[in-house]
């Protein structure tokens, strides 16, 4: 009987939260490889039980200031739902990626 209560608590903790992620792909990445980078990010989210709502490629834009000596980059916006427990691992993967020079992950709901 006690184990059922613990399972119910674990299920309640797995609430999906709304997130918005903007990341900038390095200009060294070719135009043909940009969808592969985006697919890699979305594949991570879906592999952890997340749901992709929208993916909006904003295209190549000039940066307001140099980032890692680059003056431009390709912007991509991804809106999705995911368990909060996986957000830190997602950010870690984005930080170590050499193809992504900057990212911003925002939780939309409170």
N, C-alpha and C. Protein backbone atom coordinates (compact mmCIF):
# COMPACT_ATOMS: atom_id res chain seq x y z
N UNK A 1 0.82 -1.19 0.00
CA UNK A 1 0.00 0.00 0.00
C UNK A 1 0.86 1.26 0.00
N UNK A 2 1.94 1.26 0.75
CA UNK A 2 2.82 2.42 0.83
C UNK A 2 3.49 2.67 -0.52
N UNK A 3 3.87 1.61 -1.24
CA UNK A 3 4.54 1.78 -2.53
C UNK A 3 3.64 2.47 -3.55
N UNK A 4 2.34 2.28 -3.49
CA UNK A 4 1.43 2.96 -4.41
C UNK A 4 1.42 4.46 -4.18
N UNK A 5 1.50 4.87 -2.91
CA UNK A 5 1.55 6.30 -2.61
C UNK A 5 2.84 6.92 -3.13
N UNK A 6 3.95 6.21 -2.99
CA UNK A 6 5.23 6.71 -3.49
C UNK A 6 5.17 6.83 -5.00
N UNK A 7 4.60 5.85 -5.69
CA UNK A 7 4.46 5.92 -7.15
C UNK A 7 3.59 7.09 -7.56
N UNK A 8 2.54 7.38 -6.81
CA UNK A 8 1.66 8.50 -7.14
C UNK A 8 2.40 9.82 -7.00
N UNK A 9 3.25 9.93 -5.99
CA UNK A 9 4.03 11.16 -5.80
C UNK A 9 5.03 11.33 -6.94
N UNK A 10 5.68 10.23 -7.35
CA UNK A 10 6.64 10.29 -8.45
C UNK A 10 5.95 10.70 -9.75
N UNK A 11 4.75 10.20 -9.97
CA UNK A 11 4.01 10.56 -11.17
C UNK A 11 3.64 12.04 -11.15
N UNK A 12 3.27 12.57 -9.99
CA UNK A 12 2.91 13.98 -9.88
C UNK A 12 4.12 14.88 -10.13
N UNK A 13 5.32 14.43 -9.76
CA UNK A 13 6.53 15.21 -9.97
C UNK A 13 6.91 15.31 -11.44
N UNK A 14 6.40 14.41 -12.26
CA UNK A 14 6.77 14.37 -13.67
C UNK A 14 5.91 15.27 -14.53
N UNK A 15 5.46 16.37 -13.98
CA UNK A 15 4.63 17.31 -14.72
C UNK A 15 5.49 17.99 -15.80
N UNK A 16 4.95 18.05 -16.99
CA UNK A 16 5.65 18.72 -18.08
C UNK A 16 5.49 20.23 -17.94
N UNK A 17 6.58 20.94 -18.09
CA UNK A 17 6.57 22.40 -18.02
C UNK A 17 6.82 22.96 -19.42
N UNK A 18 6.33 24.16 -19.66
CA UNK A 18 6.54 24.84 -20.92
C UNK A 18 7.88 25.57 -20.90
N UNK A 19 8.65 25.39 -21.96
CA UNK A 19 9.95 26.05 -22.09
C UNK A 19 10.06 26.71 -23.46
N UNK A 20 10.94 27.69 -23.50
CA UNK A 20 11.29 28.35 -24.75
C UNK A 20 12.82 28.39 -24.80
N UNK A 21 13.38 27.91 -25.90
CA UNK A 21 14.83 27.85 -26.06
C UNK A 21 15.22 28.59 -27.33
N UNK A 22 16.13 29.53 -27.20
CA UNK A 22 16.72 30.20 -28.36
C UNK A 22 18.20 29.85 -28.34
N UNK A 23 18.69 29.36 -29.47
CA UNK A 23 20.13 29.10 -29.55
C UNK A 23 20.68 29.64 -30.86
N UNK A 24 21.98 29.95 -30.82
CA UNK A 24 22.68 30.52 -31.97
C UNK A 24 23.69 29.49 -32.45
N UNK A 25 23.56 29.12 -33.71
CA UNK A 25 24.47 28.15 -34.32
C UNK A 25 25.65 28.90 -34.93
N UNK A 26 26.83 28.36 -34.75
CA UNK A 26 28.07 28.96 -35.24
C UNK A 26 28.01 29.19 -36.75
N UNK A 27 28.59 30.30 -37.23
CA UNK A 27 28.62 30.53 -38.68
C UNK A 27 29.54 29.55 -39.42
N UNK A 28 30.37 28.82 -38.68
CA UNK A 28 31.22 27.81 -39.31
C UNK A 28 30.43 26.58 -39.74
N UNK A 29 29.23 26.42 -39.21
CA UNK A 29 28.37 25.31 -39.60
C UNK A 29 27.73 25.65 -40.94
N UNK A 30 27.84 24.76 -41.90
CA UNK A 30 27.28 25.00 -43.23
C UNK A 30 25.77 25.04 -43.22
N UNK A 31 25.21 25.68 -44.23
CA UNK A 31 23.74 25.79 -44.34
C UNK A 31 23.07 24.42 -44.37
N UNK A 32 23.71 23.44 -44.98
CA UNK A 32 23.12 22.11 -45.07
C UNK A 32 23.17 21.35 -43.74
N UNK A 33 24.03 21.77 -42.81
CA UNK A 33 24.15 21.09 -41.51
C UNK A 33 23.29 21.72 -40.42
N UNK A 34 22.70 22.88 -40.69
CA UNK A 34 21.88 23.56 -39.67
C UNK A 34 20.67 22.71 -39.26
N UNK A 35 19.94 22.09 -40.20
CA UNK A 35 18.84 21.22 -39.76
C UNK A 35 19.31 20.05 -38.88
N UNK A 36 20.50 19.55 -39.11
CA UNK A 36 21.02 18.45 -38.30
C UNK A 36 21.28 18.90 -36.86
N UNK A 37 21.78 20.13 -36.69
CA UNK A 37 22.02 20.66 -35.34
C UNK A 37 20.68 20.84 -34.63
N UNK A 38 19.71 21.41 -35.33
CA UNK A 38 18.38 21.61 -34.75
C UNK A 38 17.72 20.27 -34.41
N UNK A 39 17.87 19.30 -35.30
CA UNK A 39 17.30 17.98 -35.05
C UNK A 39 17.96 17.31 -33.84
N UNK A 40 19.25 17.56 -33.64
CA UNK A 40 19.94 17.01 -32.48
C UNK A 40 19.37 17.54 -31.17
N UNK A 41 19.07 18.84 -31.14
CA UNK A 41 18.49 19.44 -29.94
C UNK A 41 17.08 18.90 -29.71
N UNK A 42 16.27 18.86 -30.74
CA UNK A 42 14.90 18.38 -30.59
C UNK A 42 14.87 16.89 -30.27
N UNK A 43 15.84 16.12 -30.79
CA UNK A 43 15.90 14.69 -30.49
C UNK A 43 16.21 14.46 -29.02
N UNK A 44 17.08 15.29 -28.44
CA UNK A 44 17.36 15.16 -27.01
C UNK A 44 16.09 15.40 -26.21
N UNK A 45 15.35 16.45 -26.56
CA UNK A 45 14.13 16.79 -25.82
C UNK A 45 13.12 15.66 -25.90
N UNK A 46 12.89 15.14 -27.09
CA UNK A 46 11.90 14.07 -27.25
C UNK A 46 12.37 12.76 -26.63
N UNK A 47 13.68 12.52 -26.60
CA UNK A 47 14.18 11.28 -25.99
C UNK A 47 13.97 11.28 -24.48
N UNK A 48 13.84 12.46 -23.88
CA UNK A 48 13.61 12.56 -22.43
C UNK A 48 12.13 12.72 -22.11
N UNK A 49 11.27 12.42 -23.07
CA UNK A 49 9.83 12.48 -22.84
C UNK A 49 9.22 13.85 -23.11
N UNK A 50 9.97 14.75 -23.70
CA UNK A 50 9.47 16.08 -24.00
C UNK A 50 8.63 16.11 -25.26
N UNK A 51 7.88 17.19 -25.42
CA UNK A 51 7.00 17.37 -26.58
C UNK A 51 7.38 18.69 -27.24
N UNK A 52 7.76 18.63 -28.51
CA UNK A 52 8.12 19.83 -29.26
C UNK A 52 6.84 20.49 -29.74
N UNK A 53 6.68 21.78 -29.42
CA UNK A 53 5.51 22.53 -29.86
C UNK A 53 5.79 23.21 -31.19
N UNK A 54 6.84 24.01 -31.26
CA UNK A 54 7.22 24.69 -32.50
C UNK A 54 8.73 24.78 -32.62
N UNK A 55 9.20 24.79 -33.86
CA UNK A 55 10.60 25.05 -34.18
C UNK A 55 10.60 26.14 -35.24
N UNK A 56 11.18 27.30 -34.89
CA UNK A 56 11.21 28.43 -35.81
C UNK A 56 12.65 28.82 -36.12
N UNK A 57 13.15 28.47 -37.31
CA UNK A 57 14.48 28.96 -37.68
C UNK A 57 14.39 30.43 -38.08
N UNK A 58 15.12 31.28 -37.38
CA UNK A 58 15.07 32.71 -37.66
C UNK A 58 16.08 33.13 -38.72
N UNK A 59 17.00 32.26 -39.04
CA UNK A 59 17.98 32.57 -40.07
C UNK A 59 19.24 33.22 -39.51
N UNK A 60 20.14 33.58 -40.44
CA UNK A 60 21.42 34.16 -40.06
C UNK A 60 21.23 35.65 -39.76
N UNK A 61 21.77 36.07 -38.61
CA UNK A 61 21.66 37.47 -38.20
C UNK A 61 23.00 37.94 -37.65
N UNK A 62 23.19 39.24 -37.71
CA UNK A 62 24.38 39.86 -37.15
C UNK A 62 24.22 39.91 -35.63
N UNK A 63 25.30 39.57 -34.90
CA UNK A 63 25.26 39.60 -33.45
C UNK A 63 25.48 41.02 -32.94
N UNK A 64 24.91 41.33 -31.79
CA UNK A 64 25.06 42.66 -31.20
C UNK A 64 26.49 42.89 -30.73
N UNK A 65 27.18 41.82 -30.37
CA UNK A 65 28.58 41.90 -29.94
C UNK A 65 29.22 40.55 -30.30
N UNK A 66 30.53 40.52 -30.43
CA UNK A 66 31.20 39.26 -30.80
C UNK A 66 31.02 38.19 -29.72
N UNK A 67 30.73 36.99 -30.16
CA UNK A 67 30.64 35.83 -29.29
C UNK A 67 31.62 34.80 -29.84
N UNK A 68 32.62 34.46 -29.05
CA UNK A 68 33.68 33.52 -29.46
C UNK A 68 34.30 33.95 -30.79
N UNK A 69 34.50 35.24 -30.95
CA UNK A 69 35.11 35.87 -32.13
C UNK A 69 34.23 35.81 -33.38
N UNK A 70 32.95 35.47 -33.25
CA UNK A 70 32.03 35.45 -34.38
C UNK A 70 31.18 36.71 -34.35
N UNK A 71 30.85 37.23 -35.52
CA UNK A 71 30.05 38.44 -35.63
C UNK A 71 28.63 38.15 -36.12
N UNK A 72 28.35 36.90 -36.52
CA UNK A 72 27.01 36.53 -36.94
C UNK A 72 26.76 35.07 -36.58
N UNK A 73 25.50 34.69 -36.60
CA UNK A 73 25.12 33.32 -36.29
C UNK A 73 23.70 33.05 -36.74
N UNK A 74 23.34 31.79 -36.79
CA UNK A 74 22.00 31.39 -37.19
C UNK A 74 21.16 31.14 -35.95
N UNK A 75 20.07 31.87 -35.82
CA UNK A 75 19.19 31.79 -34.66
C UNK A 75 18.09 30.76 -34.89
N UNK A 76 17.76 30.01 -33.83
CA UNK A 76 16.66 29.04 -33.88
C UNK A 76 15.88 29.15 -32.57
N UNK A 77 14.55 29.19 -32.68
CA UNK A 77 13.66 29.21 -31.51
C UNK A 77 12.93 27.88 -31.45
N UNK A 78 12.94 27.26 -30.26
CA UNK A 78 12.22 26.00 -30.05
C UNK A 78 11.34 26.17 -28.82
N UNK A 79 10.05 25.91 -28.98
CA UNK A 79 9.11 25.89 -27.86
C UNK A 79 8.75 24.43 -27.61
N UNK A 80 8.77 24.03 -26.34
CA UNK A 80 8.54 22.63 -26.03
C UNK A 80 8.07 22.47 -24.60
N UNK A 81 7.64 21.24 -24.27
CA UNK A 81 7.28 20.86 -22.92
C UNK A 81 8.19 19.73 -22.49
N UNK A 82 8.66 19.80 -21.23
CA UNK A 82 9.59 18.80 -20.74
C UNK A 82 9.53 18.77 -19.22
N UNK A 83 9.95 17.66 -18.63
CA UNK A 83 10.05 17.58 -17.19
C UNK A 83 11.18 18.50 -16.72
N UNK A 84 10.98 19.24 -15.65
CA UNK A 84 12.01 20.16 -15.16
C UNK A 84 13.33 19.48 -14.82
N UNK A 85 13.30 18.21 -14.47
CA UNK A 85 14.52 17.50 -14.08
C UNK A 85 15.52 17.41 -15.23
N UNK A 86 15.07 17.49 -16.48
CA UNK A 86 15.97 17.34 -17.63
C UNK A 86 16.51 18.67 -18.14
N UNK A 87 16.05 19.79 -17.62
CA UNK A 87 16.48 21.08 -18.15
C UNK A 87 17.97 21.33 -17.92
N UNK A 88 18.50 20.91 -16.78
CA UNK A 88 19.93 21.11 -16.50
C UNK A 88 20.79 20.30 -17.45
N UNK A 89 20.40 19.07 -17.73
CA UNK A 89 21.16 18.24 -18.67
C UNK A 89 21.09 18.81 -20.08
N UNK A 90 19.95 19.35 -20.46
CA UNK A 90 19.82 20.00 -21.77
C UNK A 90 20.79 21.17 -21.87
N UNK A 91 20.81 22.02 -20.84
CA UNK A 91 21.72 23.17 -20.87
C UNK A 91 23.18 22.73 -20.89
N UNK A 92 23.52 21.68 -20.18
CA UNK A 92 24.89 21.18 -20.19
C UNK A 92 25.28 20.72 -21.59
N UNK A 93 24.38 20.01 -22.27
CA UNK A 93 24.66 19.57 -23.64
C UNK A 93 24.81 20.75 -24.60
N UNK A 94 24.02 21.79 -24.41
CA UNK A 94 24.14 22.97 -25.27
C UNK A 94 25.45 23.70 -25.02
N UNK A 95 25.89 23.76 -23.76
CA UNK A 95 27.13 24.45 -23.43
C UNK A 95 28.36 23.75 -23.98
N UNK A 96 28.36 22.43 -24.03
CA UNK A 96 29.54 21.72 -24.51
C UNK A 96 29.56 21.55 -26.02
N UNK A 97 28.46 21.85 -26.68
CA UNK A 97 28.41 21.73 -28.13
C UNK A 97 29.25 22.82 -28.79
N UNK A 98 30.11 22.43 -29.70
CA UNK A 98 30.94 23.39 -30.42
C UNK A 98 30.16 24.08 -31.53
N UNK A 99 29.05 23.51 -31.93
CA UNK A 99 28.24 24.09 -33.00
C UNK A 99 27.31 25.19 -32.51
N UNK A 100 26.99 25.18 -31.22
CA UNK A 100 26.09 26.18 -30.64
C UNK A 100 26.94 27.13 -29.81
N UNK A 101 26.91 28.43 -30.20
CA UNK A 101 27.79 29.39 -29.52
C UNK A 101 27.09 30.11 -28.36
N UNK A 102 25.78 30.11 -28.32
CA UNK A 102 25.05 30.75 -27.22
C UNK A 102 23.65 30.18 -27.18
N UNK A 103 23.06 30.11 -25.99
CA UNK A 103 21.68 29.65 -25.85
C UNK A 103 21.03 30.34 -24.67
N UNK A 104 19.71 30.34 -24.68
CA UNK A 104 18.92 30.88 -23.57
C UNK A 104 17.69 29.99 -23.42
N UNK A 105 17.56 29.38 -22.24
CA UNK A 105 16.43 28.51 -21.93
C UNK A 105 15.58 29.19 -20.87
N UNK A 106 14.30 29.37 -21.17
CA UNK A 106 13.38 30.05 -20.27
C UNK A 106 12.19 29.15 -19.98
N UNK A 107 11.85 29.02 -18.69
CA UNK A 107 10.64 28.30 -18.30
C UNK A 107 9.48 29.30 -18.36
N UNK A 108 8.43 28.96 -19.09
CA UNK A 108 7.34 29.91 -19.32
C UNK A 108 6.29 29.90 -18.22
N UNK A 109 5.97 28.74 -17.64
CA UNK A 109 4.95 28.71 -16.61
C UNK A 109 5.60 28.75 -15.23
N UNK A 110 4.81 29.05 -14.21
CA UNK A 110 5.39 29.14 -12.87
C UNK A 110 5.11 27.93 -12.03
